[in-house]
Amino acid sequence: MAVFKGKARRGARLCTLLLATAAATLIGACAAVGQAGPGAAPSLSGDRIAQIVASPDRSSADRTNDLRRKPEQMLAFIGIRPGMTALDLSAGGGYTTELLARAVGPDGKVFGQSQPPRAPDAPVRPAVAPEGNANPQLAQAPLVAATPATPRRTSAQALAERAKNSGLNNLQPVVRVFEDPVPPELKGGLDLVTLMFNYHDLGHLGVDRARMNAAVFAGLKPGGIYVIADHAGRAGTGISESGTLHRIEEDFLRAEVQAAGFKLLEHGDFLRNPNDPRDKNTPEPAQPKDEFVLKFVKP
């Protein structure tokens, strides 16, 4: 009788495990279906992505960036497909924005967001208190006060220059604050939002990240994807080293995004470097930074 009961318990545990596995698989499948939507084009093949990256009219500066940014792996990880409507947050010079615009094709649309430029005579931003640093063994990063910016070409101007390319007329600059980055006409209509290597900067810039993530959530369609890449910080540092080492703790970032309602769908490990001690802005000895890529989905 004891043997029979033991087998029954093991059988029950096995059934529970199988049901849990099946449920997880179903949830992942539903998320993937939601991401693509009925009748949507499939994700681009590796060959097509390689053709896009090899486009002869891409700039030499972007090709140099390719060595570090691994665009083939990034576009494949995103699951980019023709016809998408995408928003690239903190677009900067537009490296990622242009790649997305090429990938979504003439039936898609890509918006590159940047903050309104600060006036040359604007007062210096007050110092922002570092957040995180829950590990008492790590020294607290000092407060960082911003200095007046030297006038230079704005992100919107850089994106407008890229859009002059006849093959990139689906690229459009958007100048909006981080806390409200999605134009009203796009709310609920985005398939994809990206934020490449700048989430950490939102810390020392004093951005309300909870508001920003909530706005991104509202801007995406159900099943829409939010992809964030950044420089990895040490465990327990939170976003406290954003203005010094320009790093952020992965768990800290993930928790903030999930608090907005997103579900973590996938980790991208193609930019990881476990040998980076993560205690300096530029690793010593010289080597690539340890970087993570996270893909979230709006349920």
C-alpha atoms as a PDB file:
ATOM      1  CA  MET A   1       0.000   0.000   0.000  1.00  0.00           C
ATOM      2  CA  ALA A   2       2.863   2.428   0.880  1.00  0.00           C
ATOM      3  CA  VAL A   3       4.532   1.659  -2.454  1.00  0.00           C
ATOM      4  CA  PHE A   4       1.288   2.330  -4.296  1.00  0.00           C
ATOM      5  CA  LYS A   5       0.812   5.667  -2.493  1.00  0.00           C
ATOM      6  CA  GLY A   6       4.396   6.686  -3.315  1.00  0.00           C
ATOM      7  CA  LYS A   7       3.889   5.932  -6.986  1.00  0.00           C
ATOM      8  CA  ALA A   8       0.600   7.838  -6.942  1.00  0.00           C
ATOM      9  CA  ARG A   9       2.273  10.887  -5.416  1.00  0.00           C
ATOM     10  CA  ARG A  10       5.083  10.755  -7.980  1.00  0.00           C
ATOM     11  CA  GLY A  11       2.515  10.400 -10.746  1.00  0.00           C
ATOM     12  CA  ALA A  12       0.584  13.396  -9.428  1.00  0.00           C
ATOM     13  CA  ARG A  13       3.759  15.490  -9.295  1.00  0.00           C
ATOM     14  CA  LEU A  14       4.617  14.463 -12.864  1.00  0.00           C
ATOM     15  CA  CYS A  15       1.141  15.439 -14.077  1.00  0.00           C
ATOM     16  CA  THR A  16       1.442  18.812 -12.329  1.00  0.00           C
ATOM     17  CA  LEU A  17       4.840  19.406 -13.946  1.00  0.00           C
ATOM     18  CA  LEU A  18       3.552  18.473 -17.400  1.00  0.00           C
ATOM     19  CA  LEU A  19       0.525  20.736 -17.010  1.00  0.00           C
ATOM     20  CA  ALA A  20       2.725  23.640 -15.879  1.00  0.00           C
ATOM     21  CA  THR A  21       5.065  23.110 -18.837  1.00  0.00           C
ATOM     22  CA  ALA A  22       2.150  22.971 -21.253  1.00  0.00           C
ATOM     23  CA  ALA A  23       0.675  26.147 -19.768  1.00  0.00           C
ATOM     24  CA  ALA A  24       3.996  27.991 -20.081  1.00  0.00           C
ATOM     25  CA  THR A  25       4.313  26.869 -23.692  1.00  0.00           C
ATOM     26  CA  LEU A  26       0.771  28.028 -24.422  1.00  0.00           C
ATOM     27  CA  ILE A  27       1.397  31.410 -22.817  1.00  0.00           C
ATOM     28  CA  GLY A  28       4.573  31.864 -24.888  1.00  0.00           C
ATOM     29  CA  ALA A  29       2.740  30.871 -28.055  1.00  0.00           C
ATOM     30  CA  CYS A  30      -0.086  33.275 -27.294  1.00  0.00           C
ATOM     31  CA  ALA A  31       2.414  36.073 -26.690  1.00  0.00           C
ATOM     32  CA  ALA A  32       4.084  35.340 -30.018  1.00  0.00           C
ATOM     33  CA  VAL A  33       0.726  35.316 -31.802  1.00  0.00           C
ATOM     34  CA  GLY A  34      -0.224  38.561 -30.106  1.00  0.00           C
ATOM     35  CA  GLN A  35       3.061  40.111 -31.135  1.00  0.00           C
ATOM     36  CA  ALA A  36       2.597  39.312 -34.810  1.00  0.00           C
ATOM     37  CA  GLY A  37      -1.173  39.657 -35.001  1.00  0.00           C
ATOM     38  CA  PRO A  38      -3.401  37.876 -37.490  1.00  0.00           C
ATOM     39  CA  GLY A  39      -2.177  38.143 -41.061  1.00  0.00           C
ATOM     40  CA  ALA A  40       1.062  39.885 -40.097  1.00  0.00           C
ATOM     41  CA  ALA A  41       4.242  39.260 -42.064  1.00  0.00           C
ATOM     42  CA  PRO A  42       6.696  36.755 -40.538  1.00  0.00           C
ATOM     43  CA  SER A  43       9.889  37.900 -38.864  1.00  0.00           C
ATOM     44  CA  LEU A  44      12.740  38.633 -41.238  1.00  0.00           C
ATOM     45  CA  SER A  45      15.063  35.759 -42.073  1.00  0.00           C
ATOM     46  CA  GLY A  46      18.719  35.814 -41.129  1.00  0.00           C
ATOM     47  CA  ASP A  47      19.656  36.245 -44.785  1.00  0.00           C
ATOM     48  CA  ARG A  48      17.370  39.265 -45.183  1.00  0.00           C
ATOM     49  CA  ILE A  49      18.723  40.847 -42.004  1.00  0.00           C
ATOM     50  CA  ALA A  50      22.290  40.331 -43.259  1.00  0.00           C
ATOM     51  CA  GLN A  51      21.333  42.067 -46.530  1.00  0.00           C
ATOM     52  CA  ILE A  52      19.933  45.037 -44.613  1.00  0.00           C
ATOM     53  CA  VAL A  53      23.073  45.385 -42.492  1.00  0.00           C
ATOM     54  CA  ALA A  54      25.223  45.121 -45.622  1.00  0.00           C
ATOM     55  CA  SER A  55      23.278  47.854 -47.484  1.00  0.00           C
ATOM     56  CA  PRO A  56      25.917  49.816 -49.425  1.00  0.00           C
ATOM     57  CA  ASP A  57      24.372  53.197 -48.560  1.00  0.00           C
ATOM     58  CA  ARG A  58      24.857  52.804 -44.800  1.00  0.00           C
ATOM     59  CA  SER A  59      27.433  55.191 -43.352  1.00  0.00           C
ATOM     60  CA  SER A  60      30.969  54.198 -42.413  1.00  0.00           C
ATOM     61  CA  ALA A  61      30.294  55.381 -38.849  1.00  0.00           C
ATOM     62  CA  ASP A  62      27.352  52.985 -38.583  1.00  0.00           C
ATOM     63  CA  ARG A  63      29.455  50.136 -39.961  1.00  0.00           C
ATOM     64  CA  THR A  64      32.060  50.812 -37.283  1.00  0.00           C
ATOM     65  CA  ASN A  65      29.290  50.729 -34.690  1.00  0.00           C
ATOM     66  CA  ASP A  66      28.217  47.338 -36.050  1.00  0.00           C
ATOM     67  CA  LEU A  67      31.367  45.741 -34.636  1.00  0.00           C
ATOM     68  CA  ARG A  68      30.199  46.518 -31.118  1.00  0.00           C
ATOM     69  CA  ARG A  69      26.426  46.495 -31.506  1.00  0.00           C
ATOM     70  CA  LYS A  70      25.960  43.197 -33.425  1.00  0.00           C
ATOM     71  CA  PRO A  71      22.921  44.393 -35.408  1.00  0.00           C
ATOM     72  CA  GLU A  72      22.180  41.019 -37.035  1.00  0.00           C
ATOM     73  CA  GLN A  73      21.703  39.381 -33.648  1.00  0.00           C
ATOM     74  CA  MET A  74      19.762  42.377 -32.306  1.00  0.00           C
ATOM     75  CA  LEU A  75      17.268  42.491 -35.195  1.00  0.00           C
ATOM     76  CA  ALA A  76      16.794  38.737 -35.007  1.00  0.00           C
ATOM     77  CA  PHE A  77      16.263  38.905 -31.235  1.00  0.00           C
ATOM     78  CA  ILE A  78      13.671  41.665 -31.637  1.00  0.00           C
ATOM     79  CA  GLY A  79      11.822  39.548 -34.201  1.00  0.00           C
ATOM     80  CA  ILE A  80      11.643  42.492 -36.593  1.00  0.00           C
ATOM     81  CA  ARG A  81       9.226  42.120 -39.470  1.00  0.00           C
ATOM     82  CA  PRO A  82       7.939  44.198 -42.403  1.00  0.00           C
ATOM     83  CA  GLY A  83       5.031  46.526 -41.760  1.00  0.00           C
ATOM     84  CA  MET A  84       5.763  47.172 -38.081  1.00  0.00           C
ATOM     85  CA  THR A  85       5.136  50.555 -36.464  1.00  0.00           C
ATOM     86  CA  ALA A  86       8.018  51.186 -34.069  1.00  0.00           C
ATOM     87  CA  LEU A  87       9.256  53.875 -31.688  1.00  0.00           C
ATOM     88  CA  ASP A  88      12.963  54.131 -30.864  1.00  0.00           C
ATOM     89  CA  LEU A  89      13.314  55.931 -27.520  1.00  0.00           C
ATOM     90  CA  SER A  90      16.312  58.168 -26.939  1.00  0.00           C
ATOM     91  CA  ALA A  91      17.260  57.742 -30.585  1.00  0.00           C
ATOM     92  CA  GLY A  92      20.406  59.847 -30.385  1.00  0.00           C
ATOM     93  CA  GLY A  93      22.155  59.902 -33.758  1.00  0.00           C
ATOM     94  CA  GLY A  94      19.731  57.333 -35.148  1.00  0.00           C
ATOM     95  CA  TYR A  95      21.890  54.225 -35.518  1.00  0.00           C
ATOM     96  CA  THR A  96      19.151  51.868 -34.310  1.00  0.00           C
ATOM     97  CA  THR A  97      16.343  53.999 -35.751  1.00  0.00           C
ATOM     98  CA  GLU A  98      17.722  53.638 -39.269  1.00  0.00           C
ATOM     99  CA  LEU A  99      18.190  49.888 -38.943  1.00  0.00           C
ATOM    100  CA  LEU A 100      14.584  49.519 -37.779  1.00  0.00           C
ATOM    101  CA  ALA A 101      13.337  51.697 -40.649  1.00  0.00           C
ATOM    102  CA  ARG A 102      15.193  49.582 -43.184  1.00  0.00           C
ATOM    103  CA  ALA A 103      13.879  46.393 -41.594  1.00  0.00           C
ATOM    104  CA  VAL A 104      10.175  47.317 -41.418  1.00  0.00           C
ATOM    105  CA  GLY A 105      10.227  48.375 -45.074  1.00  0.00           C
ATOM    106  CA  PRO A 106       7.997  50.807 -46.971  1.00  0.00           C
ATOM    107  CA  ASP A 107       4.826  49.469 -45.356  1.00  0.00           C
ATOM    108  CA  GLY A 108       6.176  50.124 -41.862  1.00  0.00           C
ATOM    109  CA  LYS A 109       6.932  53.282 -39.929  1.00  0.00           C
ATOM    110  CA  VAL A 110       9.640  54.133 -37.401  1.00  0.00           C
ATOM    111  CA  PHE A 111       9.656  57.134 -35.087  1.00  0.00           C
ATOM    112  CA  GLY A 112      12.870  58.256 -33.392  1.00  0.00           C
ATOM    113  CA  GLN A 113      12.213  60.031 -30.073  1.00  0.00           C
ATOM    114  CA  SER A 114      14.444  62.593 -28.447  1.00  0.00           C
ATOM    115  CA  GLN A 115      14.053  65.083 -25.628  1.00  0.00           C
ATOM    116  CA  PRO A 116      13.447  68.758 -26.451  1.00  0.00           C
ATOM    117  CA  PRO A 117      16.878  70.428 -26.425  1.00  0.00           C
ATOM    118  CA  ARG A 118      17.797  72.513 -23.414  1.00  0.00           C
ATOM    119  CA  ALA A 119      18.302  76.204 -24.031  1.00  0.00           C
ATOM    120  CA  PRO A 120      21.960  77.286 -23.811  1.00  0.00           C
ATOM    121  CA  ASP A 121      21.070  79.643 -20.951  1.00  0.00           C
ATOM    122  CA  ALA A 122      18.935  77.104 -19.060  1.00  0.00           C
ATOM    123  CA  PRO A 123      19.857  76.729 -15.386  1.00  0.00           C
ATOM    124  CA  VAL A 124      22.036  73.797 -14.429  1.00  0.00           C
ATOM    125  CA  ARG A 125      19.968  70.785 -13.383  1.00  0.00           C
ATOM    126  CA  PRO A 126      20.082  70.071  -9.658  1.00  0.00           C
ATOM    127  CA  ALA A 127      21.977  67.010  -8.522  1.00  0.00           C
ATOM    128  CA  VAL A 128      19.899  63.832  -8.579  1.00  0.00           C
ATOM    129  CA  ALA A 129      20.109  61.438  -5.649  1.00  0.00           C
ATOM    130  CA  PRO A 130      21.365  58.007  -6.764  1.00  0.00           C
ATOM    131  CA  GLU A 131      18.902  55.143  -6.494  1.00  0.00           C
ATOM    132  CA  GLY A 132      19.524  51.522  -5.657  1.00  0.00           C
ATOM    133  CA  ASN A 133      22.947  50.570  -4.296  1.00  0.00           C
ATOM    134  CA  ALA A 134      21.365  48.043  -1.951  1.00  0.00           C
ATOM    135  CA  ASN A 135      24.685  46.263  -1.491  1.00  0.00           C
ATOM    136  CA  PRO A 136      26.432  47.787   1.553  1.00  0.00           C
ATOM    137  CA  GLN A 137      29.779  46.421   0.346  1.00  0.00           C
ATOM    138  CA  LEU A 138      29.774  48.793  -2.626  1.00  0.00           C
ATOM    139  CA  ALA A 139      30.689  52.455  -2.274  1.00  0.00           C
ATOM    140  CA  GLN A 140      27.887  54.920  -2.925  1.00  0.00           C
ATOM    141  CA  ALA A 141      28.271  56.762  -6.219  1.00  0.00           C
ATOM    142  CA  PRO A 142      28.665  60.532  -5.730  1.00  0.00           C
ATOM    143  CA  LEU A 143      25.887  62.944  -6.609  1.00  0.00           C
ATOM    144  CA  VAL A 144      26.192  64.196 -10.164  1.00  0.00           C
ATOM    145  CA  ALA A 145      25.232  67.684 -11.280  1.00  0.00           C
ATOM    146  CA  ALA A 146      24.749  68.304 -14.983  1.00  0.00           C
ATOM    147  CA  THR A 147      26.714  71.045 -16.701  1.00  0.00           C
ATOM    148  CA  PRO A 148      25.369  73.344 -19.408  1.00  0.00           C
ATOM    149  CA  ALA A 149      25.398  71.580 -22.753  1.00  0.00           C
ATOM    150  CA  THR A 150      27.547  72.824 -25.621  1.00  0.00           C
ATOM    151  CA  PRO A 151      25.282  73.567 -28.612  1.00  0.00           C
ATOM    152  CA  ARG A 152      25.540  70.842 -31.226  1.00  0.00           C
ATOM    153  CA  ARG A 153      23.427  69.054 -33.787  1.00  0.00           C
ATOM    154  CA  THR A 154      20.290  67.755 -32.093  1.00  0.00           C
ATOM    155  CA  SER A 155      19.014  64.205 -32.303  1.00  0.00           C
ATOM    156  CA  ALA A 156      16.025  65.388 -34.345  1.00  0.00           C
ATOM    157  CA  GLN A 157      18.375  67.049 -36.831  1.00  0.00           C
ATOM    158  CA  ALA A 158      20.477  63.894 -37.107  1.00  0.00           C
ATOM    159  CA  LEU A 159      17.356  61.795 -37.745  1.00  0.00           C
ATOM    160  CA  ALA A 160      16.090  64.280 -40.340  1.00  0.00           C
ATOM    161  CA  GLU A 161      19.422  63.928 -42.151  1.00  0.00           C
ATOM    162  CA  ARG A 162      19.037  60.158 -42.219  1.00  0.00           C
ATOM    163  CA  ALA A 163      15.463  60.463 -43.496  1.00  0.00           C
ATOM    164  CA  LYS A 164      16.749  62.301 -46.594  1.00  0.00           C
ATOM    165  CA  ASN A 165      17.861  58.908 -47.896  1.00  0.00           C
ATOM    166  CA  SER A 166      15.218  57.922 -50.460  1.00  0.00           C
ATOM    167  CA  GLY A 167      14.957  54.489 -48.883  1.00  0.00           C
ATOM    168  CA  LEU A 168      14.236  55.881 -45.423  1.00  0.00           C
ATOM    169  CA  ASN A 169      11.195  58.075 -45.949  1.00  0.00           C
ATOM    170  CA  ASN A 170       9.425  55.912 -43.362  1.00  0.00           C
ATOM    171  CA  LEU A 171      11.654  57.391 -40.629  1.00  0.00           C
ATOM    172  CA  GLN A 172      10.291  60.344 -38.658  1.00  0.00           C
ATOM    173  CA  PRO A 173      11.826  62.325 -35.758  1.00  0.00           C
ATOM    174  CA  VAL A 174       9.649  62.863 -32.676  1.00  0.00           C
ATOM    175  CA  VAL A 175      10.609  65.495 -30.101  1.00  0.00           C
ATOM    176  CA  ARG A 176       8.834  64.687 -26.847  1.00  0.00           C
ATOM    177  CA  VAL A 177       9.787  64.385 -23.194  1.00  0.00           C
ATOM    178  CA  PHE A 178      10.649  60.924 -21.897  1.00  0.00           C
ATOM    179  CA  GLU A 179       7.667  60.880 -19.553  1.00  0.00           C
ATOM    180  CA  ASP A 180       5.284  61.267 -22.518  1.00  0.00           C
ATOM    181  CA  PRO A 181       7.202  59.893 -25.533  1.00  0.00           C
ATOM    182  CA  VAL A 182       4.326  58.498 -27.632  1.00  0.00           C
ATOM    183  CA  PRO A 183       2.469  60.900 -29.951  1.00  0.00           C
ATOM    184  CA  PRO A 184      -1.292  60.784 -29.228  1.00  0.00           C
ATOM    185  CA  GLU A 185      -2.109  59.462 -32.686  1.00  0.00           C
ATOM    186  CA  LEU A 186       0.105  56.418 -32.083  1.00  0.00           C
ATOM    187  CA  LYS A 187      -1.294  55.462 -28.676  1.00  0.00           C
ATOM    188  CA  GLY A 188      -2.275  51.796 -28.677  1.00  0.00           C
ATOM    189  CA  GLY A 189      -0.945  51.343 -32.205  1.00  0.00           C
ATOM    190  CA  LEU A 190       2.736  50.559 -31.737  1.00  0.00           C
ATOM    191  CA  ASP A 191       4.113  47.090 -32.449  1.00  0.00           C
ATOM    192  CA  LEU A 192       7.556  47.755 -31.032  1.00  0.00           C
ATOM    193  CA  VAL A 193       9.407  50.149 -28.726  1.00  0.00           C
ATOM    194  CA  THR A 194      13.191  50.030 -28.327  1.00  0.00           C
ATOM    195  CA  LEU A 195      15.537  51.748 -25.877  1.00  0.00           C
ATOM    196  CA  MET A 196      19.176  51.068 -26.648  1.00  0.00           C
ATOM    197  CA  PHE A 197      21.851  51.611 -23.966  1.00  0.00           C
ATOM    198  CA  ASN A 198      20.292  54.761 -22.505  1.00  0.00           C
ATOM    199  CA  TYR A 199      17.862  53.574 -19.822  1.00  0.00           C
ATOM    200  CA  HIS A 200      20.609  54.098 -17.239  1.00  0.00           C
ATOM    201  CA  ASP A 201      20.919  57.782 -18.229  1.00  0.00           C
ATOM    202  CA  LEU A 202      17.338  58.372 -17.141  1.00  0.00           C
ATOM    203  CA  GLY A 203      18.631  58.087 -13.564  1.00  0.00           C
ATOM    204  CA  HIS A 204      21.034  61.014 -13.480  1.00  0.00           C
ATOM    205  CA  LEU A 205      18.720  63.019 -15.772  1.00  0.00           C
ATOM    206  CA  GLY A 206      15.972  62.795 -13.154  1.00  0.00           C
ATOM    207  CA  VAL A 207      13.401  61.266 -15.529  1.00  0.00           C
ATOM    208  CA  ASP A 208      10.216  59.805 -14.026  1.00  0.00           C
ATOM    209  CA  ARG A 209      10.779  56.319 -15.370  1.00  0.00           C
ATOM    210  CA  ALA A 210       7.530  54.924 -13.971  1.00  0.00           C
ATOM    211  CA  ARG A 211       5.597  57.482 -16.043  1.00  0.00           C
ATOM    212  CA  MET A 212       7.687  56.702 -19.114  1.00  0.00           C
ATOM    213  CA  ASN A 213       7.193  52.943 -18.857  1.00  0.00           C
ATOM    214  CA  ALA A 214       3.456  53.425 -18.284  1.00  0.00           C
ATOM    215  CA  ALA A 215       3.303  55.605 -21.408  1.00  0.00           C
ATOM    216  CA  VAL A 216       5.150  52.953 -23.416  1.00  0.00           C
ATOM    217  CA  PHE A 217       2.724  50.302 -22.133  1.00  0.00           C
ATOM    218  CA  ALA A 218      -0.240  52.426 -23.228  1.00  0.00           C
ATOM    219  CA  GLY A 219       1.385  53.119 -26.602  1.00  0.00           C
ATOM    220  CA  LEU A 220       1.832  49.460 -27.528  1.00  0.00           C
ATOM    221  CA  LYS A 221      -0.783  47.128 -28.951  1.00  0.00           C
ATOM    222  CA  PRO A 222      -1.611  44.022 -26.906  1.00  0.00           C
ATOM    223  CA  GLY A 223       1.235  41.638 -27.704  1.00  0.00           C
ATOM    224  CA  GLY A 224       3.499  44.597 -28.500  1.00  0.00           C
ATOM    225  CA  ILE A 225       7.198  44.293 -27.689  1.00  0.00           C
ATOM    226  CA  TYR A 226       9.474  46.515 -25.570  1.00  0.00           C
ATOM    227  CA  VAL A 227      13.204  45.796 -26.046  1.00  0.00           C
ATOM    228  CA  ILE A 228      15.806  47.388 -23.770  1.00  0.00           C
ATOM    229  CA  ALA A 229      19.577  46.961 -23.960  1.00  0.00           C
ATOM    230  CA  ASP A 230      22.013  48.455 -21.454  1.00  0.00           C
ATOM    231  CA  HIS A 231      25.415  48.245 -19.777  1.00  0.00           C
ATOM    232  CA  ALA A 232      25.349  45.836 -16.838  1.00  0.00           C
ATOM    233  CA  GLY A 233      26.060  47.078 -13.320  1.00  0.00           C
ATOM    234  CA  ARG A 234      27.000  45.047 -10.281  1.00  0.00           C
ATOM    235  CA  ALA A 235      24.385  43.385  -8.125  1.00  0.00           C
ATOM    236  CA  GLY A 236      22.842  45.785  -5.641  1.00  0.00           C
ATOM    237  CA  THR A 237      23.864  49.031  -7.383  1.00  0.00           C
ATOM    238  CA  GLY A 238      20.443  49.730  -8.901  1.00  0.00           C
ATOM    239  CA  ILE A 239      20.709  52.856 -11.034  1.00  0.00           C
ATOM    240  CA  SER A 240      23.087  54.603  -8.613  1.00  0.00           C
ATOM    241  CA  GLU A 241      26.012  54.527 -11.063  1.00  0.00           C
ATOM    242  CA  SER A 242      24.124  55.961 -14.035  1.00  0.00           C
ATOM    243  CA  GLY A 243      26.089  59.215 -14.168  1.00  0.00           C
ATOM    244  CA  THR A 244      29.465  57.778 -13.197  1.00  0.00           C
ATOM    245  CA  LEU A 245      29.960  54.284 -14.639  1.00  0.00           C
ATOM    246  CA  HIS A 246      26.992  54.568 -17.019  1.00  0.00           C
ATOM    247  CA  ARG A 247      25.668  51.204 -15.893  1.00  0.00           C
ATOM    248  CA  ILE A 248      22.471  49.804 -14.400  1.00  0.00           C
ATOM    249  CA  GLU A 249      21.718  46.638 -12.476  1.00  0.00           C
ATOM    250  CA  GLU A 250      19.732  44.264 -14.695  1.00  0.00           C
ATOM    251  CA  ASP A 251      17.365  43.091 -11.940  1.00  0.00           C
ATOM    252  CA  PHE A 252      16.609  46.706 -11.011  1.00  0.00           C
ATOM    253  CA  LEU A 253      15.696  47.610 -14.596  1.00  0.00           C
ATOM    254  CA  ARG A 254      13.585  44.487 -15.047  1.00  0.00           C
ATOM    255  CA  ALA A 255      11.610  45.204 -11.877  1.00  0.00           C
ATOM    256  CA  GLU A 256      10.853  48.768 -12.968  1.00  0.00           C
ATOM    257  CA  VAL A 257       9.561  47.688 -16.374  1.00  0.00           C
ATOM    258  CA  GLN A 258       7.504  44.819 -14.985  1.00  0.00           C
ATOM    259  CA  ALA A 259       5.908  47.227 -12.507  1.00  0.00           C
ATOM    260  CA  ALA A 260       4.290  48.938 -15.520  1.00  0.00           C
ATOM    261  CA  GLY A 261       2.518  45.687 -16.453  1.00  0.00           C
ATOM    262  CA  PHE A 262       5.025  44.166 -18.868  1.00  0.00           C
ATOM    263  CA  LYS A 263       5.995  40.492 -18.828  1.00  0.00           C
ATOM    264  CA  LEU A 264       9.581  39.430 -19.481  1.00  0.00           C
ATOM    265  CA  LEU A 265       9.575  37.344 -22.648  1.00  0.00           C
ATOM    266  CA  GLU A 266      13.249  36.677 -23.384  1.00  0.00           C
ATOM    267  CA  HIS A 267      16.870  37.453 -22.443  1.00  0.00           C
ATOM    268  CA  GLY A 268      19.416  38.245 -25.128  1.00  0.00           C
ATOM    269  CA  ASP A 269      22.924  37.161 -24.149  1.00  0.00           C
ATOM    270  CA  PHE A 270      24.774  37.963 -27.384  1.00  0.00           C
ATOM    271  CA  LEU A 271      26.410  41.092 -25.871  1.00  0.00           C
ATOM    272  CA  ARG A 272      27.396  39.566 -22.544  1.00  0.00           C
ATOM    273  CA  ASN A 273      30.988  39.581 -21.310  1.00  0.00           C
ATOM    274  CA  PRO A 274      31.327  37.717 -17.996  1.00  0.00           C
ATOM    275  CA  ASN A 275      34.965  38.849 -17.705  1.00  0.00           C
ATOM    276  CA  ASP A 276      33.985  42.524 -17.330  1.00  0.00           C
ATOM    277  CA  PRO A 277      34.395  43.376 -13.608  1.00  0.00           C
ATOM    278  CA  ARG A 278      31.684  46.045 -14.070  1.00  0.00           C
ATOM    279  CA  ASP A 279      33.425  48.405 -11.637  1.00  0.00           C
ATOM    280  CA  LYS A 280      34.491  51.032 -14.185  1.00  0.00           C
ATOM    281  CA  ASN A 281      32.940  52.842 -17.117  1.00  0.00           C
ATOM    282  CA  THR A 282      35.615  51.414 -19.428  1.00  0.00           C
ATOM    283  CA  PRO A 283      36.641  47.930 -18.301  1.00  0.00           C
ATOM    284  CA  GLU A 284      40.246  47.247 -17.343  1.00  0.00           C
ATOM    285  CA  PRO A 285      41.953  45.505 -19.001  1.00  0.00           C
ATOM    286  CA  ALA A 286      40.388  46.859 -22.205  1.00  0.00           C
ATOM    287  CA  GLN A 287      37.489  44.627 -23.296  1.00  0.00           C
ATOM    288  CA  PRO A 288      33.835  44.929 -24.303  1.00  0.00           C
ATOM    289  CA  LYS A 289      31.383  45.968 -21.621  1.00  0.00           C
ATOM    290  CA  ASP A 290      29.061  43.353 -20.205  1.00  0.00           C
ATOM    291  CA  GLU A 291      25.680  44.234 -21.737  1.00  0.00           C
ATOM    292  CA  PHE A 292      22.237  42.683 -21.483  1.00  0.00           C
ATOM    293  CA  VAL A 293      19.183  42.782 -23.757  1.00  0.00           C
ATOM    294  CA  LEU A 294      15.674  42.183 -22.425  1.00  0.00           C
ATOM    295  CA  LYS A 295      12.491  41.648 -24.416  1.00  0.00           C
ATOM    296  CA  PHE A 296       9.213  42.443 -22.678  1.00  0.00           C
ATOM    297  CA  VAL A 297       5.672  41.944 -23.965  1.00  0.00           C
ATOM    298  CA  LYS A 298       2.439  43.791 -23.240  1.00  0.00           C
ATOM    299  CA  PRO A 299      -0.023  41.013 -22.334  1.00  0.00           C
END
